[in-house]
C-alpha atoms as a PDB file:
ATOM      1  CA  UNK A   1       9.019   0.900  24.347  1.00  0.00           C
ATOM      2  CA  UNK A   2      12.450   1.527  23.186  1.00  0.00           C
ATOM      3  CA  UNK A   3      14.183   4.680  22.117  1.00  0.00           C
ATOM      4  CA  UNK A   4      13.834   3.890  18.596  1.00  0.00           C
ATOM      5  CA  UNK A   5      10.155   3.319  18.985  1.00  0.00           C
ATOM      6  CA  UNK A   6       9.665   6.531  21.128  1.00  0.00           C
ATOM      7  CA  UNK A   7      10.824   7.888  17.685  1.00  0.00           C
ATOM      8  CA  UNK A   8      13.678   9.738  16.438  1.00  0.00           C
ATOM      9  CA  UNK A   9      11.683  10.761  13.197  1.00  0.00           C
ATOM     10  CA  UNK A  10      13.270   9.038  10.050  1.00  0.00           C
ATOM     11  CA  UNK A  11      11.486  11.088   7.589  1.00  0.00           C
ATOM     12  CA  UNK A  12      11.205  14.865   6.475  1.00  0.00           C
ATOM     13  CA  UNK A  13       7.503  16.230   6.921  1.00  0.00           C
ATOM     14  CA  UNK A  14       6.502  17.592   3.603  1.00  0.00           C
ATOM     15  CA  UNK A  15       2.413  17.005   3.624  1.00  0.00           C
ATOM     16  CA  UNK A  16       1.387  20.143   1.910  1.00  0.00           C
ATOM     17  CA  UNK A  17      -2.221  20.787   1.137  1.00  0.00           C
ATOM     18  CA  UNK A  18      -4.245  17.781  -0.467  1.00  0.00           C
ATOM     19  CA  UNK A  19      -5.681  18.706  -3.929  1.00  0.00           C
ATOM     20  CA  UNK A  20      -9.476  17.909  -4.143  1.00  0.00           C
ATOM     21  CA  UNK A  21      -8.758  15.225  -6.516  1.00  0.00           C
ATOM     22  CA  UNK A  22      -6.281  13.346  -3.760  1.00  0.00           C
ATOM     23  CA  UNK A  23      -8.777  14.048  -1.130  1.00  0.00           C
ATOM     24  CA  UNK A  24     -11.434  12.541  -3.178  1.00  0.00           C
ATOM     25  CA  UNK A  25      -9.148   9.688  -3.932  1.00  0.00           C
ATOM     26  CA  UNK A  26      -8.255   8.613  -0.328  1.00  0.00           C
ATOM     27  CA  UNK A  27     -11.975   8.861   0.724  1.00  0.00           C
ATOM     28  CA  UNK A  28     -13.507   6.846  -1.942  1.00  0.00           C
ATOM     29  CA  UNK A  29     -10.753   4.084  -1.704  1.00  0.00           C
ATOM     30  CA  UNK A  30     -10.761   3.927   2.103  1.00  0.00           C
ATOM     31  CA  UNK A  31     -12.507   0.883   2.757  1.00  0.00           C
ATOM     32  CA  UNK A  32     -11.202  -0.784  -0.366  1.00  0.00           C
ATOM     33  CA  UNK A  33      -7.430  -0.224  -0.307  1.00  0.00           C
ATOM     34  CA  UNK A  34      -6.436   1.475   3.038  1.00  0.00           C
ATOM     35  CA  UNK A  35      -5.554  -0.129   6.169  1.00  0.00           C
ATOM     36  CA  UNK A  36      -6.109   1.529   9.699  1.00  0.00           C
ATOM     37  CA  UNK A  37      -2.650   2.429  10.819  1.00  0.00           C
ATOM     38  CA  UNK A  38      -3.471   1.346  14.742  1.00  0.00           C
ATOM     39  CA  UNK A  39      -5.296  -2.016  14.159  1.00  0.00           C
ATOM     40  CA  UNK A  40      -3.737  -5.592  14.337  1.00  0.00           C
ATOM     41  CA  UNK A  41      -4.130  -7.152  10.779  1.00  0.00           C
ATOM     42  CA  UNK A  42      -5.128 -10.463   9.858  1.00  0.00           C
ATOM     43  CA  UNK A  43      -3.322 -10.914   6.512  1.00  0.00           C
ATOM     44  CA  UNK A  44      -5.427 -13.573   5.428  1.00  0.00           C
ATOM     45  CA  UNK A  45      -8.512 -11.545   5.833  1.00  0.00           C
ATOM     46  CA  UNK A  46      -6.932  -8.987   3.888  1.00  0.00           C
ATOM     47  CA  UNK A  47      -5.280 -10.765   0.952  1.00  0.00           C
ATOM     48  CA  UNK A  48      -6.206 -13.723  -1.285  1.00  0.00           C
ATOM     49  CA  UNK A  49      -2.411 -14.249  -1.785  1.00  0.00           C
ATOM     50  CA  UNK A  50      -0.631 -16.296   0.583  1.00  0.00           C
ATOM     51  CA  UNK A  51       2.669 -14.515   0.407  1.00  0.00           C
ATOM     52  CA  UNK A  52       2.782 -10.934   1.592  1.00  0.00           C
ATOM     53  CA  UNK A  53       5.537  -8.301   1.391  1.00  0.00           C
ATOM     54  CA  UNK A  54       5.687  -5.290   3.037  1.00  0.00           C
ATOM     55  CA  UNK A  55       7.229  -2.129   1.304  1.00  0.00           C
ATOM     56  CA  UNK A  56       8.297   0.754   3.503  1.00  0.00           C
ATOM     57  CA  UNK A  57       8.334   4.218   1.745  1.00  0.00           C
ATOM     58  CA  UNK A  58       6.617   3.712  -1.475  1.00  0.00           C
ATOM     59  CA  UNK A  59       6.672   7.208  -2.660  1.00  0.00           C
ATOM     60  CA  UNK A  60       4.140   7.911  -5.283  1.00  0.00           C
ATOM     61  CA  UNK A  61       4.026   3.950  -5.989  1.00  0.00           C
ATOM     62  CA  UNK A  62       5.388   3.610  -9.620  1.00  0.00           C
ATOM     63  CA  UNK A  63       7.619   0.847  -8.539  1.00  0.00           C
ATOM     64  CA  UNK A  64       4.879  -0.631  -6.305  1.00  0.00           C
ATOM     65  CA  UNK A  65       2.473  -0.889  -9.030  1.00  0.00           C
ATOM     66  CA  UNK A  66       5.077  -2.416 -11.390  1.00  0.00           C
ATOM     67  CA  UNK A  67       5.985  -5.098  -8.662  1.00  0.00           C
ATOM     68  CA  UNK A  68       2.330  -5.761  -8.054  1.00  0.00           C
ATOM     69  CA  UNK A  69       1.584  -6.281 -11.712  1.00  0.00           C
ATOM     70  CA  UNK A  70       4.876  -8.459 -12.400  1.00  0.00           C
ATOM     71  CA  UNK A  71       4.092 -10.520  -9.156  1.00  0.00           C
ATOM     72  CA  UNK A  72       0.098 -10.965  -8.866  1.00  0.00           C
ATOM     73  CA  UNK A  73       0.438 -14.005  -6.658  1.00  0.00           C
ATOM     74  CA  UNK A  74       2.066 -11.831  -3.923  1.00  0.00           C
ATOM     75  CA  UNK A  75       0.029  -9.310  -1.725  1.00  0.00           C
ATOM     76  CA  UNK A  76       1.726  -5.899  -0.904  1.00  0.00           C
ATOM     77  CA  UNK A  77       1.300  -3.618   2.018  1.00  0.00           C
ATOM     78  CA  UNK A  78       2.889  -0.296   1.067  1.00  0.00           C
ATOM     79  CA  UNK A  79       3.492   2.224   3.773  1.00  0.00           C
ATOM     80  CA  UNK A  80       4.034   5.921   3.127  1.00  0.00           C
ATOM     81  CA  UNK A  81       4.022   8.742   5.418  1.00  0.00           C
ATOM     82  CA  UNK A  82       3.181  11.386   2.925  1.00  0.00           C
ATOM     83  CA  UNK A  83      -0.517  11.416   2.117  1.00  0.00           C
ATOM     84  CA  UNK A  84      -0.190  12.642  -1.505  1.00  0.00           C
ATOM     85  CA  UNK A  85       1.931   9.704  -2.191  1.00  0.00           C
ATOM     86  CA  UNK A  86      -0.700   7.447  -0.743  1.00  0.00           C
ATOM     87  CA  UNK A  87      -3.570   9.003  -2.911  1.00  0.00           C
ATOM     88  CA  UNK A  88      -1.371   9.013  -6.076  1.00  0.00           C
ATOM     89  CA  UNK A  89      -0.553   5.262  -5.423  1.00  0.00           C
ATOM     90  CA  UNK A  90      -4.194   4.673  -4.874  1.00  0.00           C
ATOM     91  CA  UNK A  91      -5.005   6.419  -8.229  1.00  0.00           C
ATOM     92  CA  UNK A  92      -2.585   4.263 -10.076  1.00  0.00           C
ATOM     93  CA  UNK A  93      -3.698   0.987  -8.157  1.00  0.00           C
ATOM     94  CA  UNK A  94      -7.328   1.771  -9.502  1.00  0.00           C
ATOM     95  CA  UNK A  95      -6.271   2.403 -12.861  1.00  0.00           C
ATOM     96  CA  UNK A  96      -4.277  -0.646 -13.245  1.00  0.00           C
ATOM     97  CA  UNK A  97      -7.032  -2.877 -11.741  1.00  0.00           C
ATOM     98  CA  UNK A  98      -4.823  -4.384  -8.966  1.00  0.00           C
ATOM     99  CA  UNK A  99      -6.433  -6.295  -6.266  1.00  0.00           C
ATOM    100  CA  UNK A 100      -2.771  -7.211  -4.496  1.00  0.00           C
ATOM    101  CA  UNK A 101      -1.881  -3.720  -2.781  1.00  0.00           C
ATOM    102  CA  UNK A 102      -3.053  -2.402   0.251  1.00  0.00           C
ATOM    103  CA  UNK A 103      -1.605   0.820   1.662  1.00  0.00           C
ATOM    104  CA  UNK A 104      -1.248   2.539   4.938  1.00  0.00           C
ATOM    105  CA  UNK A 105      -0.440   6.196   5.508  1.00  0.00           C
ATOM    106  CA  UNK A 106       1.628   5.857   8.490  1.00  0.00           C
ATOM    107  CA  UNK A 107       5.260   5.866   9.969  1.00  0.00           C
ATOM    108  CA  UNK A 108       6.565   2.289   9.570  1.00  0.00           C
ATOM    109  CA  UNK A 109       7.619   1.714  13.173  1.00  0.00           C
ATOM    110  CA  UNK A 110       4.188   1.756  14.977  1.00  0.00           C
ATOM    111  CA  UNK A 111       2.649   0.080  12.280  1.00  0.00           C
ATOM    112  CA  UNK A 112       5.293  -2.743  12.069  1.00  0.00           C
ATOM    113  CA  UNK A 113       5.042  -3.143  15.940  1.00  0.00           C
ATOM    114  CA  UNK A 114       1.272  -3.014  16.481  1.00  0.00           C
ATOM    115  CA  UNK A 115      -0.534  -4.197  13.274  1.00  0.00           C
ATOM    116  CA  UNK A 116       1.757  -7.140  11.827  1.00  0.00           C
ATOM    117  CA  UNK A 117       1.890 -10.387  13.380  1.00  0.00           C
ATOM    118  CA  UNK A 118       5.262 -12.140  14.194  1.00  0.00           C
ATOM    119  CA  UNK A 119       6.685 -14.376  11.665  1.00  0.00           C
ATOM    120  CA  UNK A 120       3.850 -13.526   9.139  1.00  0.00           C
ATOM    121  CA  UNK A 121       5.508 -11.575   6.214  1.00  0.00           C
ATOM    122  CA  UNK A 122       7.317 -13.313   3.422  1.00  0.00           C
ATOM    123  CA  UNK A 123       9.493 -10.298   2.759  1.00  0.00           C
ATOM    124  CA  UNK A 124      10.142  -6.602   3.202  1.00  0.00           C
ATOM    125  CA  UNK A 125      11.582  -3.969   0.635  1.00  0.00           C
ATOM    126  CA  UNK A 126      13.219  -0.539   1.852  1.00  0.00           C
ATOM    127  CA  UNK A 127      14.188   1.237  -1.275  1.00  0.00           C
ATOM    128  CA  UNK A 128      15.982   4.715  -1.218  1.00  0.00           C
ATOM    129  CA  UNK A 129      14.859   5.640   2.516  1.00  0.00           C
ATOM    130  CA  UNK A 130      16.098   9.201   3.488  1.00  0.00           C
ATOM    131  CA  UNK A 131      19.688   8.817   3.877  1.00  0.00           C
ATOM    132  CA  UNK A 132      20.076  11.842   6.416  1.00  0.00           C
ATOM    133  CA  UNK A 133      23.434  12.489   5.115  1.00  0.00           C
ATOM    134  CA  UNK A 134      24.760  14.966   7.803  1.00  0.00           C
ATOM    135  CA  UNK A 135      26.607  13.260  10.838  1.00  0.00           C
ATOM    136  CA  UNK A 136      24.504  14.945  13.486  1.00  0.00           C
ATOM    137  CA  UNK A 137      21.335  13.406  11.872  1.00  0.00           C
ATOM    138  CA  UNK A 138      22.691   9.884  11.047  1.00  0.00           C
ATOM    139  CA  UNK A 139      20.525   8.717  14.299  1.00  0.00           C
ATOM    140  CA  UNK A 140      17.449   9.545  12.167  1.00  0.00           C
ATOM    141  CA  UNK A 141      18.271   6.858   9.761  1.00  0.00           C
ATOM    142  CA  UNK A 142      15.372   4.008   9.433  1.00  0.00           C
ATOM    143  CA  UNK A 143      17.747   0.955   9.497  1.00  0.00           C
ATOM    144  CA  UNK A 144      19.172   0.868  12.864  1.00  0.00           C
ATOM    145  CA  UNK A 145      19.718  -2.309  15.044  1.00  0.00           C
ATOM    146  CA  UNK A 146      16.649  -2.031  16.794  1.00  0.00           C
ATOM    147  CA  UNK A 147      14.540  -1.471  13.722  1.00  0.00           C
ATOM    148  CA  UNK A 148      16.201  -4.492  12.127  1.00  0.00           C
ATOM    149  CA  UNK A 149      15.524  -6.546  15.283  1.00  0.00           C
ATOM    150  CA  UNK A 150      11.566  -5.323  14.992  1.00  0.00           C
ATOM    151  CA  UNK A 151      11.450  -6.176  11.412  1.00  0.00           C
ATOM    152  CA  UNK A 152      13.061  -9.526  11.548  1.00  0.00           C
ATOM    153  CA  UNK A 153      10.435 -10.458  14.250  1.00  0.00           C
ATOM    154  CA  UNK A 154       7.617  -9.994  11.805  1.00  0.00           C
ATOM    155  CA  UNK A 155       9.295 -12.068   9.090  1.00  0.00           C
ATOM    156  CA  UNK A 156       8.818 -15.764   8.680  1.00  0.00           C
ATOM    157  CA  UNK A 157      12.016 -17.631   8.835  1.00  0.00           C
ATOM    158  CA  UNK A 158      13.994 -17.517   5.483  1.00  0.00           C
ATOM    159  CA  UNK A 159      11.952 -14.236   4.167  1.00  0.00           C
ATOM    160  CA  UNK A 160      13.718 -11.706   2.631  1.00  0.00           C
ATOM    161  CA  UNK A 161      14.705  -8.173   3.206  1.00  0.00           C
ATOM    162  CA  UNK A 162      15.902  -6.022   0.107  1.00  0.00           C
ATOM    163  CA  UNK A 163      17.374  -2.461   0.629  1.00  0.00           C
ATOM    164  CA  UNK A 164      18.580  -0.137  -1.788  1.00  0.00           C
ATOM    165  CA  UNK A 165      20.285   3.286  -1.572  1.00  0.00           C
ATOM    166  CA  UNK A 166      22.195   5.753  -3.419  1.00  0.00           C
ATOM    167  CA  UNK A 167      24.028   7.055  -0.622  1.00  0.00           C
ATOM    168  CA  UNK A 168      27.374   5.133   0.028  1.00  0.00           C
ATOM    169  CA  UNK A 169      27.609   5.854   3.645  1.00  0.00           C
ATOM    170  CA  UNK A 170      24.083   4.752   4.237  1.00  0.00           C
ATOM    171  CA  UNK A 171      24.820   1.648   2.348  1.00  0.00           C
ATOM    172  CA  UNK A 172      27.529   0.853   4.877  1.00  0.00           C
ATOM    173  CA  UNK A 173      25.552   1.681   7.738  1.00  0.00           C
ATOM    174  CA  UNK A 174      22.791  -0.640   6.520  1.00  0.00           C
ATOM    175  CA  UNK A 175      25.356  -3.535   5.898  1.00  0.00           C
ATOM    176  CA  UNK A 176      26.542  -2.838   9.414  1.00  0.00           C
ATOM    177  CA  UNK A 177      23.241  -3.146  11.177  1.00  0.00           C
ATOM    178  CA  UNK A 178      21.766  -5.785   9.236  1.00  0.00           C
ATOM    179  CA  UNK A 179      24.947  -8.227   9.518  1.00  0.00           C
ATOM    180  CA  UNK A 180      24.550  -7.772  13.233  1.00  0.00           C
ATOM    181  CA  UNK A 181      21.079  -8.525  13.435  1.00  0.00           C
ATOM    182  CA  UNK A 182      18.936 -11.906  12.740  1.00  0.00           C
ATOM    183  CA  UNK A 183      19.380 -11.732   9.166  1.00  0.00           C
ATOM    184  CA  UNK A 184      21.992 -13.402   6.561  1.00  0.00           C
ATOM    185  CA  UNK A 185      23.519 -11.417   3.621  1.00  0.00           C
ATOM    186  CA  UNK A 186      22.951 -13.346   0.431  1.00  0.00           C
ATOM    187  CA  UNK A 187      26.002 -11.974  -0.926  1.00  0.00           C
ATOM    188  CA  UNK A 188      29.392 -11.033   0.407  1.00  0.00           C
ATOM    189  CA  UNK A 189      28.426  -7.199   0.604  1.00  0.00           C
ATOM    190  CA  UNK A 190      26.281  -5.702  -2.088  1.00  0.00           C
ATOM    191  CA  UNK A 191      24.471  -7.368  -4.857  1.00  0.00           C
ATOM    192  CA  UNK A 192      24.273  -6.060  -8.417  1.00  0.00           C
ATOM    193  CA  UNK A 193      21.514  -4.033  -9.238  1.00  0.00           C
ATOM    194  CA  UNK A 194      18.686  -6.376 -10.091  1.00  0.00           C
ATOM    195  CA  UNK A 195      16.954  -5.898 -13.589  1.00  0.00           C
ATOM    196  CA  UNK A 196      13.528  -6.767 -11.833  1.00  0.00           C
ATOM    197  CA  UNK A 197      13.689  -4.013  -9.519  1.00  0.00           C
ATOM    198  CA  UNK A 198      11.716  -0.957 -11.077  1.00  0.00           C
ATOM    199  CA  UNK A 199      13.583   2.122 -11.328  1.00  0.00           C
ATOM    200  CA  UNK A 200      12.401   4.741  -8.722  1.00  0.00           C
ATOM    201  CA  UNK A 201      12.217   8.388  -9.224  1.00  0.00           C
ATOM    202  CA  UNK A 202      14.621   8.738  -6.166  1.00  0.00           C
ATOM    203  CA  UNK A 203      16.894   6.292  -7.516  1.00  0.00           C
ATOM    204  CA  UNK A 204      16.855   8.301 -10.950  1.00  0.00           C
ATOM    205  CA  UNK A 205      17.413  11.376  -9.105  1.00  0.00           C
ATOM    206  CA  UNK A 206      20.595   9.983  -7.528  1.00  0.00           C
ATOM    207  CA  UNK A 207      22.069   8.608 -10.641  1.00  0.00           C
ATOM    208  CA  UNK A 208      21.408  12.085 -12.250  1.00  0.00           C
ATOM    209  CA  UNK A 209      23.932  13.225  -9.625  1.00  0.00           C
ATOM    210  CA  UNK A 210      26.408  10.555 -10.362  1.00  0.00           C
ATOM    211  CA  UNK A 211      25.566   8.340  -7.382  1.00  0.00           C
ATOM    212  CA  UNK A 212      26.240   4.877  -7.428  1.00  0.00           C
ATOM    213  CA  UNK A 213      23.521   2.539  -6.248  1.00  0.00           C
ATOM    214  CA  UNK A 214      23.932  -0.171  -3.832  1.00  0.00           C
ATOM    215  CA  UNK A 215      21.365  -3.229  -3.418  1.00  0.00           C
ATOM    216  CA  UNK A 216      21.578  -5.431  -0.397  1.00  0.00           C
ATOM    217  CA  UNK A 217      19.458  -8.589  -0.216  1.00  0.00           C
ATOM    218  CA  UNK A 218      19.297 -10.416   3.258  1.00  0.00           C
ATOM    219  CA  UNK A 219      17.284 -13.406   4.554  1.00  0.00           C
ATOM    220  CA  UNK A 220      15.718 -13.876   7.852  1.00  0.00           C
ATOM    221  CA  UNK A 221      17.672 -16.576   9.967  1.00  0.00           C
ATOM    222  CA  UNK A 222      15.685 -19.579  10.696  1.00  0.00           C
END
């Protein structure tokens, strides 16, 4: 196990108490939508869709639901460490009648390492991860060289990795880490914000503060 996998935590813990509605949602949808965080997954047993994308840090799932609605032929595995976010996502999935989303209430690194088969994913999305802006906390950022190598090992050749952040130092860090890994940048540096990427609440909070938004689109090398 590497230093990164021993786990410098890349997220703030803010679970709080679950409401009765959220607790009921999680329990009632456990077998239908939730994936066990410590079991290997055969994607063909889970999804009817041949292409499966991993979303890391789905928040409350508004963007996840929008992307799943726009791409019904793509399966989405949404990871979120905060239980209330997963519960809200499942409520929205159920209300929309979607069948191409599954969720896991877990940290990304052990899930990717233990549950996803090599070369099996069509793509991955990491939108507005915690930027850990203080210099002494930079090591907590999710996207590091070791994490990039782990994620690349689970992506099929040519699969995409789409990241977005509103924190320029983190964007520069992402660009450096991914350029040095088994990924190829599809643009020279950053890409213009694509119209098809749904606006997230974290992005809107950054825009309200006057932050610029940086999108990075890489592909897994063959």
